[in-house]
Amino acid sequence: MAELRDDGVHSHYALSDDRIATGMELMREILFDQLGDDHHVPPAEH
């Protein structure tokens, strides 16, 4: 999953996007835990 990002400024933004995406996944996991087994909630859109 880890990619070599050797392109200067762009790598900074790519890393930031990865952190944001990871944070989104964590938020969704926490949210689903709170909701229990409610499958009516649509997955977060990118």
PDB file of N, CA and C in Angstrom:
ATOM      1  N   MET A   1       0.841  -1.203   0.000  1.00  0.00           N
ATOM      2  CA  MET A   1       0.000   0.000   0.000  1.00  0.00           C
ATOM      3  C   MET A   1       0.876   1.253   0.000  1.00  0.00           C
ATOM      4  N   ALA A   2       2.014   1.149   0.672  1.00  0.00           N
ATOM      5  CA  ALA A   2       2.914   2.297   0.706  1.00  0.00           C
ATOM      6  C   ALA A   2       3.572   2.481  -0.651  1.00  0.00           C
ATOM      7  N   GLU A   3       3.537   3.713  -1.131  1.00  0.00           N
ATOM      8  CA  GLU A   3       4.162   3.994  -2.419  1.00  0.00           C
ATOM      9  C   GLU A   3       5.370   4.893  -2.196  1.00  0.00           C
ATOM     10  N   LEU A   4       6.316   4.810  -3.110  1.00  0.00           N
ATOM     11  CA  LEU A   4       7.430   5.745  -3.071  1.00  0.00           C
ATOM     12  C   LEU A   4       6.951   7.080  -3.617  1.00  0.00           C
ATOM     13  N   ARG A   5       7.044   8.104  -2.794  1.00  0.00           N
ATOM     14  CA  ARG A   5       6.613   9.428  -3.263  1.00  0.00           C
ATOM     15  C   ARG A   5       7.839  10.330  -3.217  1.00  0.00           C
ATOM     16  N   ASP A   6       8.457  10.482  -4.358  1.00  0.00           N
ATOM     17  CA  ASP A   6       9.750  11.156  -4.413  1.00  0.00           C
ATOM     18  C   ASP A   6       9.654  12.399  -5.276  1.00  0.00           C
ATOM     19  N   ASP A   7       8.496  13.085  -5.170  1.00  0.00           N
ATOM     20  CA  ASP A   7       8.282  14.196  -6.100  1.00  0.00           C
ATOM     21  C   ASP A   7       8.070  15.526  -5.380  1.00  0.00           C
ATOM     22  N   GLY A   8       8.876  15.778  -4.366  1.00  0.00           N
ATOM     23  CA  GLY A   8       8.876  17.092  -3.727  1.00  0.00           C
ATOM     24  C   GLY A   8       7.570  17.451  -3.056  1.00  0.00           C
ATOM     25  N   VAL A   9       7.033  18.630  -3.422  1.00  0.00           N
ATOM     26  CA  VAL A   9       5.856  19.181  -2.752  1.00  0.00           C
ATOM     27  C   VAL A   9       4.668  18.231  -2.855  1.00  0.00           C
ATOM     28  N   HIS A  10       4.503  17.603  -4.011  1.00  0.00           N
ATOM     29  CA  HIS A  10       3.348  16.721  -4.208  1.00  0.00           C
ATOM     30  C   HIS A  10       3.306  15.624  -3.151  1.00  0.00           C
ATOM     31  N   SER A  11       4.496  15.119  -2.750  1.00  0.00           N
ATOM     32  CA  SER A  11       4.531  14.039  -1.771  1.00  0.00           C
ATOM     33  C   SER A  11       3.918  14.499  -0.448  1.00  0.00           C
ATOM     34  N   HIS A  12       4.116  15.768  -0.107  1.00  0.00           N
ATOM     35  CA  HIS A  12       3.536  16.298   1.129  1.00  0.00           C
ATOM     36  C   HIS A  12       2.019  16.221   1.073  1.00  0.00           C
ATOM     37  N   TYR A  13       1.452  16.631  -0.040  1.00  0.00           N
ATOM     38  CA  TYR A  13      -0.007  16.615  -0.163  1.00  0.00           C
ATOM     39  C   TYR A  13      -0.533  15.186  -0.240  1.00  0.00           C
ATOM     40  N   ALA A  14       0.209  14.304  -0.900  1.00  0.00           N
ATOM     41  CA  ALA A  14      -0.199  12.901  -0.986  1.00  0.00           C
ATOM     42  C   ALA A  14      -0.234  12.296   0.415  1.00  0.00           C
ATOM     43  N   LEU A  15       0.769  12.593   1.222  1.00  0.00           N
ATOM     44  CA  LEU A  15       0.792  12.088   2.591  1.00  0.00           C
ATOM     45  C   LEU A  15      -0.376  12.648   3.391  1.00  0.00           C
ATOM     46  N   SER A  16      -0.655  13.928   3.211  1.00  0.00           N
ATOM     47  CA  SER A  16      -1.781  14.538   3.914  1.00  0.00           C
ATOM     48  C   SER A  16      -3.085  13.857   3.519  1.00  0.00           C
ATOM     49  N   ASP A  17      -3.251  13.574   2.233  1.00  0.00           N
ATOM     50  CA  ASP A  17      -4.457  12.887   1.764  1.00  0.00           C
ATOM     51  C   ASP A  17      -4.569  11.516   2.413  1.00  0.00           C
ATOM     52  N   ASP A  18      -3.449  10.804   2.534  1.00  0.00           N
ATOM     53  CA  ASP A  18      -3.460   9.488   3.171  1.00  0.00           C
ATOM     54  C   ASP A  18      -3.910   9.614   4.618  1.00  0.00           C
ATOM     55  N   ARG A  19      -3.399  10.620   5.325  1.00  0.00           N
ATOM     56  CA  ARG A  19      -3.783  10.796   6.726  1.00  0.00           C
ATOM     57  C   ARG A  19      -5.268  11.110   6.833  1.00  0.00           C
ATOM     58  N   ILE A  20      -5.754  11.975   5.944  1.00  0.00           N
ATOM     59  CA  ILE A  20      -7.172  12.336   5.966  1.00  0.00           C
ATOM     60  C   ILE A  20      -8.024  11.102   5.683  1.00  0.00           C
ATOM     61  N   ALA A  21      -7.636  10.326   4.684  1.00  0.00           N
ATOM     62  CA  ALA A  21      -8.389   9.121   4.338  1.00  0.00           C
ATOM     63  C   ALA A  21      -8.396   8.146   5.510  1.00  0.00           C
ATOM     64  N   THR A  22      -7.244   7.987   6.172  1.00  0.00           N
ATOM     65  CA  THR A  22      -7.168   7.097   7.326  1.00  0.00           C
ATOM     66  C   THR A  22      -8.066   7.606   8.440  1.00  0.00           C
ATOM     67  N   GLY A  23      -8.059   8.921   8.660  1.00  0.00           N
ATOM     68  CA  GLY A  23      -8.925   9.511   9.675  1.00  0.00           C
ATOM     69  C   GLY A  23     -10.389   9.269   9.364  1.00  0.00           C
ATOM     70  N   MET A  24     -10.752   9.376   8.082  1.00  0.00           N
ATOM     71  CA  MET A  24     -12.132   9.136   7.670  1.00  0.00           C
ATOM     72  C   MET A  24     -12.537   7.702   7.999  1.00  0.00           C
ATOM     73  N   GLU A  25     -11.651   6.760   7.699  1.00  0.00           N
ATOM     74  CA  GLU A  25     -11.947   5.352   7.978  1.00  0.00           C
ATOM     75  C   GLU A  25     -12.148   5.142   9.476  1.00  0.00           C
ATOM     76  N   LEU A  26     -11.286   5.753  10.291  1.00  0.00           N
ATOM     77  CA  LEU A  26     -11.427   5.621  11.738  1.00  0.00           C
ATOM     78  C   LEU A  26     -12.745   6.217  12.209  1.00  0.00           C
ATOM     79  N   MET A  27     -13.102   7.383  11.671  1.00  0.00           N
ATOM     80  CA  MET A  27     -14.361   8.026  12.036  1.00  0.00           C
ATOM     81  C   MET A  27     -15.534   7.118  11.696  1.00  0.00           C
ATOM     82  N   ARG A  28     -15.481   6.500  10.504  1.00  0.00           N
ATOM     83  CA  ARG A  28     -16.562   5.614  10.084  1.00  0.00           C
ATOM     84  C   ARG A  28     -16.658   4.418  11.020  1.00  0.00           C
ATOM     85  N   GLU A  29     -15.502   3.847  11.408  1.00  0.00           N
ATOM     86  CA  GLU A  29     -15.521   2.692  12.310  1.00  0.00           C
ATOM     87  C   GLU A  29     -16.156   3.067  13.636  1.00  0.00           C
ATOM     88  N   ILE A  30     -15.772   4.224  14.179  1.00  0.00           N
ATOM     89  CA  ILE A  30     -16.338   4.690  15.444  1.00  0.00           C
ATOM     90  C   ILE A  30     -17.834   4.911  15.292  1.00  0.00           C
ATOM     91  N   LEU A  31     -18.224   5.540  14.188  1.00  0.00           N
ATOM     92  CA  LEU A  31     -19.633   5.828  13.943  1.00  0.00           C
ATOM     93  C   LEU A  31     -20.436   4.535  13.862  1.00  0.00           C
ATOM     94  N   PHE A  32     -19.935   3.561  13.107  1.00  0.00           N
ATOM     95  CA  PHE A  32     -20.646   2.288  12.978  1.00  0.00           C
ATOM     96  C   PHE A  32     -20.715   1.573  14.320  1.00  0.00           C
ATOM     97  N   ASP A  33     -19.653   1.688  15.131  1.00  0.00           N
ATOM     98  CA  ASP A  33     -19.685   1.079  16.458  1.00  0.00           C
ATOM     99  C   ASP A  33     -20.808   1.688  17.286  1.00  0.00           C
ATOM    100  N   GLN A  34     -20.968   2.999  17.198  1.00  0.00           N
ATOM    101  CA  GLN A  34     -22.002   3.681  17.969  1.00  0.00           C
ATOM    102  C   GLN A  34     -23.392   3.315  17.464  1.00  0.00           C
ATOM    103  N   LEU A  35     -23.517   3.123  16.154  1.00  0.00           N
ATOM    104  CA  LEU A  35     -24.821   2.827  15.565  1.00  0.00           C
ATOM    105  C   LEU A  35     -25.196   1.359  15.724  1.00  0.00           C
ATOM    106  N   GLY A  36     -24.200   0.516  16.026  1.00  0.00           N
ATOM    107  CA  GLY A  36     -24.494  -0.902  16.120  1.00  0.00           C
ATOM    108  C   GLY A  36     -24.590  -1.514  14.737  1.00  0.00           C
ATOM    109  N   ASP A  37     -25.616  -2.310  14.498  1.00  0.00           N
ATOM    110  CA  ASP A  37     -25.742  -3.021  13.224  1.00  0.00           C
ATOM    111  C   ASP A  37     -26.724  -2.341  12.290  1.00  0.00           C
ATOM    112  N   ASP A  38     -26.725  -1.019  12.279  1.00  0.00           N
ATOM    113  CA  ASP A  38     -27.625  -0.288  11.389  1.00  0.00           C
ATOM    114  C   ASP A  38     -26.982  -0.194  10.007  1.00  0.00           C
ATOM    115  N   HIS A  39     -27.453  -1.008   9.073  1.00  0.00           N
ATOM    116  CA  HIS A  39     -26.828  -1.057   7.749  1.00  0.00           C
ATOM    117  C   HIS A  39     -27.474  -0.076   6.779  1.00  0.00           C
ATOM    118  N   HIS A  40     -28.333   0.793   7.270  1.00  0.00           N
ATOM    119  CA  HIS A  40     -29.003   1.752   6.389  1.00  0.00           C
ATOM    120  C   HIS A  40     -28.146   2.988   6.149  1.00  0.00           C
ATOM    121  N   VAL A  41     -27.051   3.110   6.909  1.00  0.00           N
ATOM    122  CA  VAL A  41     -26.177   4.269   6.747  1.00  0.00           C
ATOM    123  C   VAL A  41     -25.289   4.056   5.532  1.00  0.00           C
ATOM    124  N   PRO A  42     -25.339   4.949   4.551  1.00  0.00           N
ATOM    125  CA  PRO A  42     -24.506   4.797   3.358  1.00  0.00           C
ATOM    126  C   PRO A  42     -23.038   5.023   3.695  1.00  0.00           C
ATOM    127  N   PRO A  43     -22.131   4.337   3.023  1.00  0.00           N
ATOM    128  CA  PRO A  43     -20.701   4.558   3.243  1.00  0.00           C
ATOM    129  C   PRO A  43     -20.302   5.972   2.826  1.00  0.00           C
ATOM    130  N   ALA A  44     -19.292   6.511   3.475  1.00  0.00           N
ATOM    131  CA  ALA A  44     -18.847   7.873   3.164  1.00  0.00           C
ATOM    132  C   ALA A  44     -18.342   7.943   1.732  1.00  0.00           C
ATOM    133  N   GLU A  45     -18.727   8.984   1.027  1.00  0.00           N
ATOM    134  CA  GLU A  45     -18.252   9.179  -0.342  1.00  0.00           C
ATOM    135  C   GLU A  45     -16.890   9.842  -0.313  1.00  0.00           C
ATOM    136  N   HIS A  46     -16.063   9.520  -1.300  1.00  0.00           N
ATOM    137  CA  HIS A  46     -14.751  10.181  -1.372  1.00  0.00           C
ATOM    138  C   HIS A  46     -14.929  11.540  -2.012  1.00  0.00           C
TER     139      HIS A  46
END
